[in-house]
C-alpha atoms as a PDB file:
ATOM      1  CA  MET A   1     -15.162 -60.601  31.685  1.00  0.00           C
ATOM      2  CA  ARG A   2     -15.451 -58.753  34.663  1.00  0.00           C
ATOM      3  CA  SER A   3     -13.514 -59.075  38.384  1.00  0.00           C
ATOM      4  CA  SER A   4     -15.110 -61.890  40.205  1.00  0.00           C
ATOM      5  CA  ARG A   5     -12.975 -60.439  43.077  1.00  0.00           C
ATOM      6  CA  THR A   6     -15.564 -59.788  46.171  1.00  0.00           C
ATOM      7  CA  LYS A   7     -13.671 -56.526  47.376  1.00  0.00           C
ATOM      8  CA  THR A   8     -15.658 -53.278  46.094  1.00  0.00           C
ATOM      9  CA  VAL A   9     -14.223 -50.902  44.660  1.00  0.00           C
ATOM     10  CA  TYR A  10     -15.802 -46.713  45.067  1.00  0.00           C
ATOM     11  CA  VAL A  11     -14.649 -44.351  42.433  1.00  0.00           C
ATOM     12  CA  ASP A  12     -15.506 -40.640  42.686  1.00  0.00           C
ATOM     13  CA  ARG A  13     -14.869 -39.148  39.473  1.00  0.00           C
ATOM     14  CA  GLY A  14     -14.466 -35.694  39.684  1.00  0.00           C
ATOM     15  CA  PRO A  15     -13.509 -33.300  36.996  1.00  0.00           C
ATOM     16  CA  PHE A  16      -9.739 -33.359  37.505  1.00  0.00           C
ATOM     17  CA  ARG A  17      -9.257 -36.312  40.226  1.00  0.00           C
ATOM     18  CA  LEU A  18     -10.393 -39.566  40.385  1.00  0.00           C
ATOM     19  CA  MET A  19     -10.757 -40.873  44.106  1.00  0.00           C
ATOM     20  CA  VAL A  20     -10.935 -44.624  45.171  1.00  0.00           C
ATOM     21  CA  ALA A  21     -11.441 -46.843  48.103  1.00  0.00           C
ATOM     22  CA  LEU A  22     -11.074 -50.674  47.889  1.00  0.00           C
ATOM     23  CA  VAL A  23     -13.682 -51.525  50.862  1.00  0.00           C
ATOM     24  CA  SER A  24     -13.973 -55.451  51.917  1.00  0.00           C
ATOM     25  CA  GLN A  25     -16.569 -56.799  53.677  1.00  0.00           C
ATOM     26  CA  ALA A  26     -16.663 -59.537  56.366  1.00  0.00           C
ATOM     27  CA  SER A  27     -19.175 -60.572  59.224  1.00  0.00           C
ATOM     28  CA  GLY A  28     -21.308 -57.414  58.107  1.00  0.00           C
ATOM     29  CA  THR A  29     -18.304 -55.451  58.492  1.00  0.00           C
ATOM     30  CA  ALA A  30     -17.129 -53.225  56.065  1.00  0.00           C
ATOM     31  CA  CYS A  31     -13.167 -52.339  56.097  1.00  0.00           C
ATOM     32  CA  ILE A  32     -11.255 -49.671  53.964  1.00  0.00           C
ATOM     33  CA  GLU A  33      -7.906 -51.262  52.835  1.00  0.00           C
ATOM     34  CA  ARG A  34      -7.023 -48.843  50.396  1.00  0.00           C
ATOM     35  CA  LEU A  35      -6.781 -44.897  49.489  1.00  0.00           C
ATOM     36  CA  GLU A  36      -5.475 -43.953  46.461  1.00  0.00           C
ATOM     37  CA  GLN A  37      -6.418 -40.842  43.874  1.00  0.00           C
ATOM     38  CA  LEU A  38      -5.127 -40.265  40.169  1.00  0.00           C
ATOM     39  CA  PRO A  39      -5.025 -37.284  38.417  1.00  0.00           C
ATOM     40  CA  VAL A  40      -7.812 -37.329  35.088  1.00  0.00           C
ATOM     41  CA  GLU A  41      -4.868 -36.513  32.938  1.00  0.00           C
ATOM     42  CA  ALA A  42      -3.013 -39.326  33.542  1.00  0.00           C
ATOM     43  CA  GLY A  43      -4.718 -41.370  30.595  1.00  0.00           C
ATOM     44  CA  ARG A  44      -7.011 -43.961  29.835  1.00  0.00           C
ATOM     45  CA  GLU A  45      -4.748 -46.862  29.696  1.00  0.00           C
ATOM     46  CA  LYS A  46      -3.067 -45.568  32.994  1.00  0.00           C
ATOM     47  CA  ILE A  47      -6.683 -45.008  34.557  1.00  0.00           C
ATOM     48  CA  GLN A  48      -7.118 -48.428  33.379  1.00  0.00           C
ATOM     49  CA  ASN A  49      -4.455 -50.230  34.813  1.00  0.00           C
ATOM     50  CA  PHE A  50      -4.189 -48.616  38.078  1.00  0.00           C
ATOM     51  CA  ILE A  51      -8.241 -49.399  38.766  1.00  0.00           C
ATOM     52  CA  LEU A  52      -7.663 -53.322  37.628  1.00  0.00           C
ATOM     53  CA  GLU A  53      -4.727 -52.866  39.920  1.00  0.00           C
ATOM     54  CA  MET A  54      -6.439 -51.637  42.840  1.00  0.00           C
ATOM     55  CA  GLY A  55      -9.019 -54.072  43.058  1.00  0.00           C
ATOM     56  CA  GLU A  56      -6.527 -56.641  42.393  1.00  0.00           C
ATOM     57  CA  GLY A  57      -8.817 -57.890  39.895  1.00  0.00           C
ATOM     58  CA  GLY A  58      -7.174 -61.162  37.892  1.00  0.00           C
ATOM     59  CA  LYS A  59      -4.972 -61.117  35.002  1.00  0.00           C
ATOM     60  CA  ASN A  60      -7.880 -61.978  32.388  1.00  0.00           C
ATOM     61  CA  ALA A  61     -10.210 -59.109  34.128  1.00  0.00           C
ATOM     62  CA  ARG A  62     -11.597 -56.013  32.113  1.00  0.00           C
ATOM     63  CA  PHE A  63     -13.643 -54.446  34.446  1.00  0.00           C
ATOM     64  CA  ILE A  64     -13.605 -53.806  37.856  1.00  0.00           C
ATOM     65  CA  PRO A  65     -17.460 -53.798  39.675  1.00  0.00           C
ATOM     66  CA  SER A  66     -17.568 -50.949  41.189  1.00  0.00           C
ATOM     67  CA  VAL A  67     -19.990 -48.186  43.223  1.00  0.00           C
ATOM     68  CA  ALA A  68     -19.207 -45.112  41.939  1.00  0.00           C
ATOM     69  CA  SER A  69     -20.179 -40.858  41.269  1.00  0.00           C
ATOM     70  CA  VAL A  70     -20.051 -38.709  38.749  1.00  0.00           C
ATOM     71  CA  TYR A  71     -20.369 -35.020  38.144  1.00  0.00           C
ATOM     72  CA  PRO A  72     -22.329 -34.744  34.777  1.00  0.00           C
ATOM     73  CA  LEU A  73     -21.470 -30.780  33.849  1.00  0.00           C
ATOM     74  CA  GLY A  74     -25.139 -30.075  33.205  1.00  0.00           C
ATOM     75  CA  ARG A  75     -26.190 -31.944  36.572  1.00  0.00           C
ATOM     76  CA  PHE A  76     -29.337 -29.736  38.313  1.00  0.00           C
ATOM     77  CA  PHE A  77     -30.317 -29.029  41.700  1.00  0.00           C
ATOM     78  CA  ALA A  78     -33.667 -26.679  42.973  1.00  0.00           C
ATOM     79  CA  ARG A  79     -35.573 -26.628  46.192  1.00  0.00           C
ATOM     80  CA  TYR A  80     -39.258 -26.497  46.141  1.00  0.00           C
ATOM     81  CA  SER A  81     -41.566 -25.461  49.129  1.00  0.00           C
ATOM     82  CA  VAL A  82     -44.965 -27.238  48.881  1.00  0.00           C
ATOM     83  CA  ASP A  83     -47.422 -24.426  50.516  1.00  0.00           C
ATOM     84  CA  THR A  84     -50.596 -26.616  50.677  1.00  0.00           C
ATOM     85  CA  PRO A  85     -49.980 -30.842  50.595  1.00  0.00           C
ATOM     86  CA  VAL A  86     -52.946 -31.481  49.301  1.00  0.00           C
ATOM     87  CA  LYS A  87     -51.501 -29.846  46.267  1.00  0.00           C
ATOM     88  CA  LEU A  88     -48.813 -32.716  46.097  1.00  0.00           C
ATOM     89  CA  LYS A  89     -52.201 -35.188  44.693  1.00  0.00           C
ATOM     90  CA  GLU A  90     -52.939 -33.295  41.887  1.00  0.00           C
ATOM     91  CA  PRO A  91     -51.806 -35.202  38.572  1.00  0.00           C
ATOM     92  CA  GLY A  92     -49.547 -33.470  37.388  1.00  0.00           C
ATOM     93  CA  TYR A  93     -48.679 -30.916  40.115  1.00  0.00           C
ATOM     94  CA  LEU A  94     -44.991 -31.463  40.459  1.00  0.00           C
ATOM     95  CA  GLU A  95     -44.537 -32.672  36.535  1.00  0.00           C
ATOM     96  CA  GLU A  96     -45.302 -28.744  36.247  1.00  0.00           C
ATOM     97  CA  GLN A  97     -43.614 -27.477  39.056  1.00  0.00           C
ATOM     98  CA  VAL A  98     -40.421 -29.496  37.909  1.00  0.00           C
ATOM     99  CA  LYS A  99     -40.919 -27.694  34.035  1.00  0.00           C
ATOM    100  CA  ALA A 100     -41.297 -23.891  35.919  1.00  0.00           C
ATOM    101  CA  VAL A 101     -38.005 -23.562  37.427  1.00  0.00           C
ATOM    102  CA  GLY A 102     -36.217 -24.686  33.806  1.00  0.00           C
ATOM    103  CA  ILE A 103     -35.716 -28.225  33.814  1.00  0.00           C
ATOM    104  CA  ASP A 104     -35.989 -30.274  30.258  1.00  0.00           C
ATOM    105  CA  ILE A 105     -37.883 -32.980  31.146  1.00  0.00           C
ATOM    106  CA  ALA A 106     -37.790 -34.556  27.880  1.00  0.00           C
ATOM    107  CA  SER A 107     -34.192 -34.930  27.630  1.00  0.00           C
ATOM    108  CA  SER A 108     -33.558 -35.182  31.535  1.00  0.00           C
ATOM    109  CA  SER A 109     -33.407 -37.669  34.203  1.00  0.00           C
ATOM    110  CA  VAL A 110     -35.434 -36.111  36.836  1.00  0.00           C
ATOM    111  CA  SER A 111     -35.475 -37.086  40.405  1.00  0.00           C
ATOM    112  CA  ILE A 112     -37.855 -35.662  42.968  1.00  0.00           C
ATOM    113  CA  LEU A 113     -36.613 -36.280  46.367  1.00  0.00           C
ATOM    114  CA  ASN A 114     -37.379 -35.286  50.441  1.00  0.00           C
ATOM    115  CA  ALA A 115     -34.792 -32.479  50.916  1.00  0.00           C
ATOM    116  CA  ALA A 116     -35.095 -33.537  54.735  1.00  0.00           C
ATOM    117  CA  ASP A 117     -34.130 -37.109  54.586  1.00  0.00           C
ATOM    118  CA  GLY A 118     -33.226 -37.671  50.637  1.00  0.00           C
ATOM    119  CA  LEU A 119     -35.893 -40.546  50.060  1.00  0.00           C
ATOM    120  CA  PRO A 120     -37.801 -40.044  46.538  1.00  0.00           C
ATOM    121  CA  PHE A 121     -41.114 -38.902  47.292  1.00  0.00           C
ATOM    122  CA  ASP A 122     -43.769 -40.804  47.465  1.00  0.00           C
ATOM    123  CA  PRO A 123     -47.570 -39.835  47.492  1.00  0.00           C
ATOM    124  CA  ALA A 124     -48.246 -42.508  49.861  1.00  0.00           C
ATOM    125  CA  ARG A 125     -46.114 -41.409  52.973  1.00  0.00           C
ATOM    126  CA  ASN A 126     -46.958 -38.291  54.688  1.00  0.00           C
ATOM    127  CA  LEU A 127     -47.643 -35.507  52.323  1.00  0.00           C
ATOM    128  CA  SER A 128     -47.639 -32.794  55.403  1.00  0.00           C
ATOM    129  CA  ALA A 129     -43.769 -34.572  55.991  1.00  0.00           C
ATOM    130  CA  GLN A 130     -42.795 -33.845  52.183  1.00  0.00           C
ATOM    131  CA  LYS A 131     -43.591 -29.965  51.620  1.00  0.00           C
ATOM    132  CA  GLU A 132     -39.663 -29.422  51.160  1.00  0.00           C
ATOM    133  CA  LEU A 133     -38.678 -31.339  48.114  1.00  0.00           C
ATOM    134  CA  LEU A 134     -35.487 -31.260  46.525  1.00  0.00           C
ATOM    135  CA  PHE A 135     -35.230 -31.476  41.761  1.00  0.00           C
ATOM    136  CA  CYS A 136     -32.759 -32.772  40.994  1.00  0.00           C
ATOM    137  CA  GLY A 137     -30.741 -35.270  38.206  1.00  0.00           C
ATOM    138  CA  ALA A 138     -28.812 -34.212  34.960  1.00  0.00           C
ATOM    139  CA  PRO A 139     -29.211 -34.439  30.962  1.00  0.00           C
ATOM    140  CA  THR A 140     -30.067 -37.692  30.140  1.00  0.00           C
ATOM    141  CA  ALA A 141     -27.303 -38.051  27.446  1.00  0.00           C
ATOM    142  CA  GLU A 142     -24.479 -36.906  29.739  1.00  0.00           C
ATOM    143  CA  ILE A 143     -25.055 -40.066  32.473  1.00  0.00           C
ATOM    144  CA  ARG A 144     -24.724 -42.164  29.492  1.00  0.00           C
ATOM    145  CA  ALA A 145     -21.675 -40.393  28.535  1.00  0.00           C
ATOM    146  CA  ALA A 146     -20.359 -40.650  32.055  1.00  0.00           C
ATOM    147  CA  GLN A 147     -21.979 -44.442  32.359  1.00  0.00           C
ATOM    148  CA  GLU A 148     -19.745 -45.044  29.173  1.00  0.00           C
ATOM    149  CA  ASP A 149     -16.743 -43.104  30.455  1.00  0.00           C
ATOM    150  CA  LEU A 150     -16.280 -45.035  33.486  1.00  0.00           C
ATOM    151  CA  LEU A 151     -16.295 -48.682  31.121  1.00  0.00           C
ATOM    152  CA  THR A 152     -13.712 -47.218  28.843  1.00  0.00           C
ATOM    153  CA  HIS A 153     -11.225 -46.902  32.054  1.00  0.00           C
ATOM    154  CA  GLY A 154     -12.364 -50.083  33.388  1.00  0.00           C
ATOM    155  CA  ILE A 155     -15.035 -49.258  36.082  1.00  0.00           C
ATOM    156  CA  TYR A 156     -17.567 -51.387  35.499  1.00  0.00           C
ATOM    157  CA  PRO A 157     -20.670 -49.218  37.204  1.00  0.00           C
ATOM    158  CA  GLU A 158     -22.715 -51.830  39.697  1.00  0.00           C
ATOM    159  CA  HIS A 159     -24.132 -48.929  41.444  1.00  0.00           C
ATOM    160  CA  MET A 160     -23.695 -45.054  39.523  1.00  0.00           C
ATOM    161  CA  GLN A 161     -24.905 -41.740  41.733  1.00  0.00           C
ATOM    162  CA  LEU A 162     -24.696 -38.076  41.167  1.00  0.00           C
ATOM    163  CA  GLY A 163     -21.190 -37.553  43.468  1.00  0.00           C
ATOM    164  CA  SER A 164     -23.572 -34.267  44.506  1.00  0.00           C
ATOM    165  CA  LEU A 165     -26.213 -35.831  46.561  1.00  0.00           C
ATOM    166  CA  SER A 166     -24.202 -38.127  47.798  1.00  0.00           C
ATOM    167  CA  CYS A 167     -21.806 -35.476  49.214  1.00  0.00           C
ATOM    168  CA  ILE A 168     -24.426 -33.929  50.399  1.00  0.00           C
ATOM    169  CA  GLY A 169     -26.458 -36.620  52.004  1.00  0.00           C
ATOM    170  CA  ALA A 170     -22.905 -37.138  54.021  1.00  0.00           C
ATOM    171  CA  LEU A 171     -22.362 -33.440  55.218  1.00  0.00           C
ATOM    172  CA  MET A 172     -26.281 -33.782  56.669  1.00  0.00           C
ATOM    173  CA  ASP A 173     -24.953 -36.916  58.234  1.00  0.00           C
ATOM    174  CA  TYR A 174     -22.030 -35.521  59.758  1.00  0.00           C
ATOM    175  CA  VAL A 175     -23.619 -32.680  61.410  1.00  0.00           C
ATOM    176  CA  ARG A 176     -25.628 -34.560  63.229  1.00  0.00           C
ATOM    177  CA  HIS A 177     -22.843 -36.951  64.222  1.00  0.00           C
ATOM    178  CA  SER A 178     -20.232 -34.428  65.376  1.00  0.00           C
ATOM    179  CA  GLY A 179     -23.372 -32.493  67.348  1.00  0.00           C
ATOM    180  CA  ASN A 180     -22.182 -29.120  65.841  1.00  0.00           C
ATOM    181  CA  ARG A 181     -25.659 -28.083  64.615  1.00  0.00           C
ATOM    182  CA  LYS A 182     -24.389 -24.751  62.288  1.00  0.00           C
ATOM    183  CA  PRO A 183     -24.976 -25.101  58.718  1.00  0.00           C
ATOM    184  CA  ILE A 184     -21.966 -26.211  56.582  1.00  0.00           C
ATOM    185  CA  LEU A 185     -21.753 -24.168  53.041  1.00  0.00           C
ATOM    186  CA  HIS A 186     -20.745 -26.471  50.398  1.00  0.00           C
ATOM    187  CA  ILE A 187     -19.614 -25.074  47.340  1.00  0.00           C
ATOM    188  CA  GLU A 188     -18.542 -26.850  44.256  1.00  0.00           C
ATOM    189  CA  LEU A 189     -16.676 -24.889  41.699  1.00  0.00           C
ATOM    190  CA  GLY A 190     -16.916 -25.263  38.003  1.00  0.00           C
ATOM    191  CA  GLN A 191     -15.245 -23.837  35.099  1.00  0.00           C
ATOM    192  CA  ALA A 192     -17.921 -21.908  33.874  1.00  0.00           C
ATOM    193  CA  SER A 193     -20.385 -21.976  36.652  1.00  0.00           C
ATOM    194  CA  SER A 194     -20.610 -23.030  40.279  1.00  0.00           C
ATOM    195  CA  SER A 195     -22.953 -24.837  42.545  1.00  0.00           C
ATOM    196  CA  ILE A 196     -23.923 -23.755  46.280  1.00  0.00           C
ATOM    197  CA  PHE A 197     -25.258 -25.449  48.993  1.00  0.00           C
ATOM    198  CA  ILE A 198     -26.224 -24.705  52.238  1.00  0.00           C
ATOM    199  CA  VAL A 199     -26.537 -28.256  54.762  1.00  0.00           C
ATOM    200  CA  ASN A 200     -27.580 -28.236  58.086  1.00  0.00           C
ATOM    201  CA  ALA A 201     -28.712 -31.526  60.080  1.00  0.00           C
ATOM    202  CA  ASP A 202     -32.116 -31.567  59.163  1.00  0.00           C
ATOM    203  CA  ARG A 203     -32.545 -30.805  55.599  1.00  0.00           C
ATOM    204  CA  LEU A 204     -30.904 -29.103  52.449  1.00  0.00           C
ATOM    205  CA  ASP A 205     -31.430 -25.765  53.176  1.00  0.00           C
ATOM    206  CA  LEU A 206     -30.514 -24.391  49.936  1.00  0.00           C
ATOM    207  CA  CYS A 207     -29.290 -24.817  46.537  1.00  0.00           C
ATOM    208  CA  ARG A 208     -28.174 -22.179  43.679  1.00  0.00           C
ATOM    209  CA  THR A 209     -26.108 -22.366  40.808  1.00  0.00           C
ATOM    210  CA  ILE A 210     -24.033 -19.106  39.851  1.00  0.00           C
ATOM    211  CA  PRO A 211     -22.807 -18.479  36.089  1.00  0.00           C
ATOM    212  CA  HIS A 212     -18.996 -17.711  37.867  1.00  0.00           C
ATOM    213  CA  GLY A 213     -16.704 -20.388  37.994  1.00  0.00           C
ATOM    214  CA  LEU A 214     -12.810 -21.395  37.933  1.00  0.00           C
ATOM    215  CA  ASP A 215     -13.071 -19.895  34.342  1.00  0.00           C
ATOM    216  CA  SER A 216     -13.809 -16.697  35.697  1.00  0.00           C
ATOM    217  CA  MET A 217     -10.484 -16.100  37.274  1.00  0.00           C
ATOM    218  CA  LEU A 218      -8.431 -16.213  33.747  1.00  0.00           C
ATOM    219  CA  PRO A 219      -9.053 -12.623  32.269  1.00  0.00           C
ATOM    220  CA  VAL A 220      -8.621 -10.898  36.082  1.00  0.00           C
ATOM    221  CA  LEU A 221      -5.647 -12.719  36.219  1.00  0.00           C
ATOM    222  CA  ALA A 222      -4.513 -12.073  32.879  1.00  0.00           C
ATOM    223  CA  ALA A 223      -5.095  -8.378  33.587  1.00  0.00           C
ATOM    224  CA  GLU A 224      -3.237  -8.093  36.614  1.00  0.00           C
ATOM    225  CA  LEU A 225      -0.055 -10.490  35.514  1.00  0.00           C
ATOM    226  CA  GLY A 226      -0.020  -8.010  32.251  1.00  0.00           C
ATOM    227  CA  VAL A 227      -1.048 -11.889  30.096  1.00  0.00           C
ATOM    228  CA  LYS A 228      -1.833 -11.039  27.361  1.00  0.00           C
ATOM    229  CA  ASP A 229      -4.770 -14.181  26.178  1.00  0.00           C
ATOM    230  CA  PRO A 230      -6.810 -16.412  28.683  1.00  0.00           C
ATOM    231  CA  GLU A 231      -5.130 -19.412  27.957  1.00  0.00           C
ATOM    232  CA  SER A 232      -1.383 -18.292  28.961  1.00  0.00           C
ATOM    233  CA  ALA A 233      -3.538 -17.075  32.145  1.00  0.00           C
ATOM    234  CA  ALA A 234      -4.839 -20.608  32.380  1.00  0.00           C
ATOM    235  CA  ARG A 235      -1.215 -22.481  31.958  1.00  0.00           C
ATOM    236  CA  LEU A 236       0.259 -20.275  34.931  1.00  0.00           C
ATOM    237  CA  LEU A 237      -3.325 -20.423  37.139  1.00  0.00           C
ATOM    238  CA  TYR A 238      -2.895 -24.428  37.277  1.00  0.00           C
ATOM    239  CA  SER A 239       0.410 -24.688  36.583  1.00  0.00           C
ATOM    240  CA  ASN A 240       1.294 -24.742  40.415  1.00  0.00           C
ATOM    241  CA  THR A 241       4.072 -23.148  40.733  1.00  0.00           C
ATOM    242  CA  PHE A 242       2.851 -19.646  41.822  1.00  0.00           C
ATOM    243  CA  ASP A 243       1.309 -18.305  44.921  1.00  0.00           C
ATOM    244  CA  PHE A 244      -2.071 -16.911  44.355  1.00  0.00           C
ATOM    245  CA  THR A 245      -3.006 -16.842  47.681  1.00  0.00           C
ATOM    246  CA  GLU A 246      -2.539 -12.786  48.611  1.00  0.00           C
ATOM    247  CA  MET A 247      -4.242 -12.280  44.766  1.00  0.00           C
ATOM    248  CA  GLY A 248      -7.040 -14.885  45.846  1.00  0.00           C
ATOM    249  CA  PRO A 249     -10.046 -12.199  47.081  1.00  0.00           C
ATOM    250  CA  VAL A 250      -9.513 -10.361  43.410  1.00  0.00           C
ATOM    251  CA  LEU A 251      -9.495 -13.812  41.434  1.00  0.00           C
ATOM    252  CA  LEU A 252     -11.872 -14.919  42.977  1.00  0.00           C
ATOM    253  CA  GLY A 253     -14.476 -11.531  43.257  1.00  0.00           C
ATOM    254  CA  ARG A 254     -17.148 -12.733  41.346  1.00  0.00           C
ATOM    255  CA  LEU A 255     -17.720 -15.661  42.757  1.00  0.00           C
ATOM    256  CA  LEU A 256     -17.236 -14.282  46.325  1.00  0.00           C
ATOM    257  CA  ARG A 257     -19.586 -11.790  45.355  1.00  0.00           C
ATOM    258  CA  GLU A 258     -22.561 -14.800  44.366  1.00  0.00           C
ATOM    259  CA  MET A 259     -21.438 -16.293  47.644  1.00  0.00           C
ATOM    260  CA  ARG A 260     -21.707 -13.462  49.963  1.00  0.00           C
ATOM    261  CA  ALA A 261     -25.140 -12.707  48.623  1.00  0.00           C
ATOM    262  CA  SER A 262     -26.503 -16.094  48.991  1.00  0.00           C
ATOM    263  CA  THR A 263     -25.569 -16.802  52.248  1.00  0.00           C
ATOM    264  CA  GLY A 264     -26.541 -13.106  53.671  1.00  0.00           C
ATOM    265  CA  PHE A 265     -29.618 -13.600  52.528  1.00  0.00           C
ATOM    266  CA  TYR A 266     -29.956 -17.367  54.117  1.00  0.00           C
ATOM    267  CA  GLU A 267     -28.818 -16.206  57.483  1.00  0.00           C
ATOM    268  CA  VAL A 268     -31.045 -13.358  57.186  1.00  0.00           C
ATOM    269  CA  GLN A 269     -34.394 -15.182  56.567  1.00  0.00           C
ATOM    270  CA  THR A 270     -33.331 -18.262  58.646  1.00  0.00           C
ATOM    271  CA  GLY A 271     -31.388 -16.387  61.573  1.00  0.00           C
ATOM    272  CA  GLN A 272     -28.711 -18.831  61.486  1.00  0.00           C
ATOM    273  CA  SER A 273     -25.120 -18.348  61.038  1.00  0.00           C
ATOM    274  CA  ILE A 274     -22.837 -20.522  58.435  1.00  0.00           C
ATOM    275  CA  GLY A 275     -20.580 -22.257  60.157  1.00  0.00           C
ATOM    276  CA  SER A 276     -17.881 -23.607  57.923  1.00  0.00           C
ATOM    277  CA  VAL A 277     -17.295 -23.805  54.227  1.00  0.00           C
ATOM    278  CA  PHE A 278     -16.688 -27.263  52.021  1.00  0.00           C
ATOM    279  CA  VAL A 279     -15.028 -26.666  48.857  1.00  0.00           C
ATOM    280  CA  HIS A 280     -15.204 -29.590  46.991  1.00  0.00           C
ATOM    281  CA  LEU A 281     -13.896 -30.582  43.251  1.00  0.00           C
ATOM    282  CA  ILE A 282     -10.813 -28.444  42.662  1.00  0.00           C
ATOM    283  CA  PRO A 283      -7.455 -29.449  41.683  1.00  0.00           C
ATOM    284  CA  PRO A 284      -4.821 -29.325  43.603  1.00  0.00           C
ATOM    285  CA  SER A 285      -3.266 -26.553  41.835  1.00  0.00           C
ATOM    286  CA  LEU A 286      -5.982 -24.688  43.355  1.00  0.00           C
ATOM    287  CA  ASP A 287      -6.039 -26.070  46.946  1.00  0.00           C
ATOM    288  CA  TRP A 288      -5.618 -22.195  47.842  1.00  0.00           C
ATOM    289  CA  THR A 289      -8.818 -21.023  47.433  1.00  0.00           C
ATOM    290  CA  ARG A 290     -10.095 -22.876  50.038  1.00  0.00           C
ATOM    291  CA  GLN A 291      -8.811 -21.003  52.872  1.00  0.00           C
ATOM    292  CA  CYS A 292      -9.288 -18.084  50.651  1.00  0.00           C
ATOM    293  CA  ILE A 293     -12.956 -18.528  50.064  1.00  0.00           C
ATOM    294  CA  ALA A 294     -13.053 -19.378  54.014  1.00  0.00           C
ATOM    295  CA  ARG A 295     -11.549 -15.986  55.470  1.00  0.00           C
ATOM    296  CA  SER A 296     -13.323 -13.638  52.519  1.00  0.00           C
ATOM    297  CA  LEU A 297     -16.763 -15.007  53.948  1.00  0.00           C
ATOM    298  CA  GLY A 298     -15.755 -15.120  57.369  1.00  0.00           C
ATOM    299  CA  VAL A 299     -16.460 -18.853  58.829  1.00  0.00           C
ATOM    300  CA  GLU A 300     -13.757 -21.277  59.213  1.00  0.00           C
ATOM    301  CA  LEU A 301     -13.140 -24.419  56.520  1.00  0.00           C
ATOM    302  CA  GLN A 302     -14.638 -27.190  57.483  1.00  0.00           C
ATOM    303  CA  VAL A 303     -12.562 -29.689  58.600  1.00  0.00           C
ATOM    304  CA  PHE A 304     -13.508 -33.794  59.163  1.00  0.00           C
ATOM    305  CA  ASP A 305     -13.155 -36.327  61.726  1.00  0.00           C
ATOM    306  CA  PHE A 306     -13.784 -39.037  59.196  1.00  0.00           C
ATOM    307  CA  ALA A 307     -12.077 -42.121  61.263  1.00  0.00           C
ATOM    308  CA  GLY A 308     -14.482 -41.098  64.458  1.00  0.00           C
ATOM    309  CA  TRP A 309     -17.814 -40.410  61.966  1.00  0.00           C
ATOM    310  CA  LEU A 310     -16.905 -43.719  59.854  1.00  0.00           C
ATOM    311  CA  GLY A 311     -15.979 -45.954  62.933  1.00  0.00           C
ATOM    312  CA  ALA A 312     -19.554 -44.409  64.081  1.00  0.00           C
ATOM    313  CA  LYS A 313     -21.168 -46.079  61.272  1.00  0.00           C
ATOM    314  CA  GLY A 314     -19.806 -49.376  61.025  1.00  0.00           C
ATOM    315  CA  VAL A 315     -17.096 -48.661  58.901  1.00  0.00           C
ATOM    316  CA  GLN A 316     -13.402 -49.545  59.827  1.00  0.00           C
ATOM    317  CA  LYS A 317     -10.138 -48.795  58.827  1.00  0.00           C
ATOM    318  CA  ALA A 318      -7.130 -51.291  58.014  1.00  0.00           C
ATOM    319  CA  ALA A 319      -3.882 -51.456  60.185  1.00  0.00           C
ATOM    320  CA  GLY A 320      -1.628 -48.253  58.962  1.00  0.00           C
ATOM    321  CA  LEU A 321      -4.436 -46.002  56.974  1.00  0.00           C
ATOM    322  CA  ASP A 322      -4.503 -42.964  58.722  1.00  0.00           C
ATOM    323  CA  LEU A 323      -7.920 -41.420  57.660  1.00  0.00           C
ATOM    324  CA  GLY A 324      -6.624 -37.991  59.887  1.00  0.00           C
ATOM    325  CA  ALA A 325      -3.883 -37.225  57.252  1.00  0.00           C
ATOM    326  CA  ILE A 326      -6.176 -36.931  54.174  1.00  0.00           C
ATOM    327  CA  GLY A 327      -7.255 -34.011  53.429  1.00  0.00           C
ATOM    328  CA  GLU A 328     -11.409 -32.926  52.744  1.00  0.00           C
ATOM    329  CA  GLY A 329     -11.389 -33.994  49.392  1.00  0.00           C
ATOM    330  CA  TRP A 330     -12.222 -37.068  49.871  1.00  0.00           C
ATOM    331  CA  MET A 331     -15.386 -36.909  51.176  1.00  0.00           C
ATOM    332  CA  GLY A 332     -16.650 -37.727  47.672  1.00  0.00           C
ATOM    333  CA  VAL A 333     -15.878 -41.257  47.651  1.00  0.00           C
ATOM    334  CA  LEU A 334     -16.026 -41.783  51.592  1.00  0.00           C
ATOM    335  CA  GLY A 335     -19.192 -40.039  51.898  1.00  0.00           C
ATOM    336  CA  MET A 336     -20.886 -43.364  49.735  1.00  0.00           C
ATOM    337  CA  LEU A 337     -19.438 -45.854  52.180  1.00  0.00           C
ATOM    338  CA  PRO A 338     -21.954 -44.953  55.473  1.00  0.00           C
ATOM    339  CA  GLU A 339     -25.472 -45.877  53.484  1.00  0.00           C
ATOM    340  CA  LEU A 340     -23.715 -48.611  50.744  1.00  0.00           C
ATOM    341  CA  THR A 341     -21.684 -50.448  52.402  1.00  0.00           C
ATOM    342  CA  GLY A 342     -24.806 -51.950  54.512  1.00  0.00           C
ATOM    343  CA  ALA A 343     -23.780 -49.984  57.760  1.00  0.00           C
ATOM    344  CA  LYS A 344     -26.026 -48.595  60.395  1.00  0.00           C
ATOM    345  CA  ASN A 345     -28.025 -45.619  59.114  1.00  0.00           C
END
């Protein structure tokens, strides 16, 4: 049975960490009561007990209602610009464009969004205001697997979304709130590939998948340290016992070249300079990659004033909860709160 409690648990289920926020509402005001995180490798039983305790479920509760964000391995994003809005009225036109960028419609759950406001494309709306589109989604089988994964850990997702999308929307809103109009480079580091987004206050300008991820560091690390195989290199990389900061630019060489190519092309095309970089979805042992990427690209690490931003959106915090002491990785779960708690948009 599900818990009957009214408090809502927000869960950001990344590849390495489970980031959880407990939020209560009274008189239309949302309040963050607790923030906790747990490594994914903690195991099913420990995570389930953690979720049930976090949600303050009764002794007979098996599931805690939640709002969840997930990151299916095969998630995809593609920007599309329409030259002639009238084409959007043609039957089958958008379906053909989705297929043209390599998305398998038959096996995927696909959404077509306005790249400026994040709303679903609607042919009944002003087509000229919907010329910049985002094709996004994930294989349907992976979405179902993500839902099953949440259920096995005691998480009942009343609402489940792509974590990448909630982060993009939150970043756009944060840029508007901060008054600093410079674009943010948003990077999601995966194992075999990584995603690059460039976000400004008005729209998502760029999204690109690059064929290099954390695993691209393993052969370089093995060669640098004289390690015989990638498995041993992986144990060293994730052990959190070595400081790889100085070696970082060499280890991240392939990733950095792709990032420079993307940001350089963007800056030449738009005349805008990247203001900061936000690196997401990395384990604690690889926190050094954030500063390494920022320095190598010549930009600042994005620092968030979570308290000021969420407060302006009508989201309060419990006494004793210091939002200034948490890291930028919390954007994944906190980025869901302004929209889904009913706070003013």
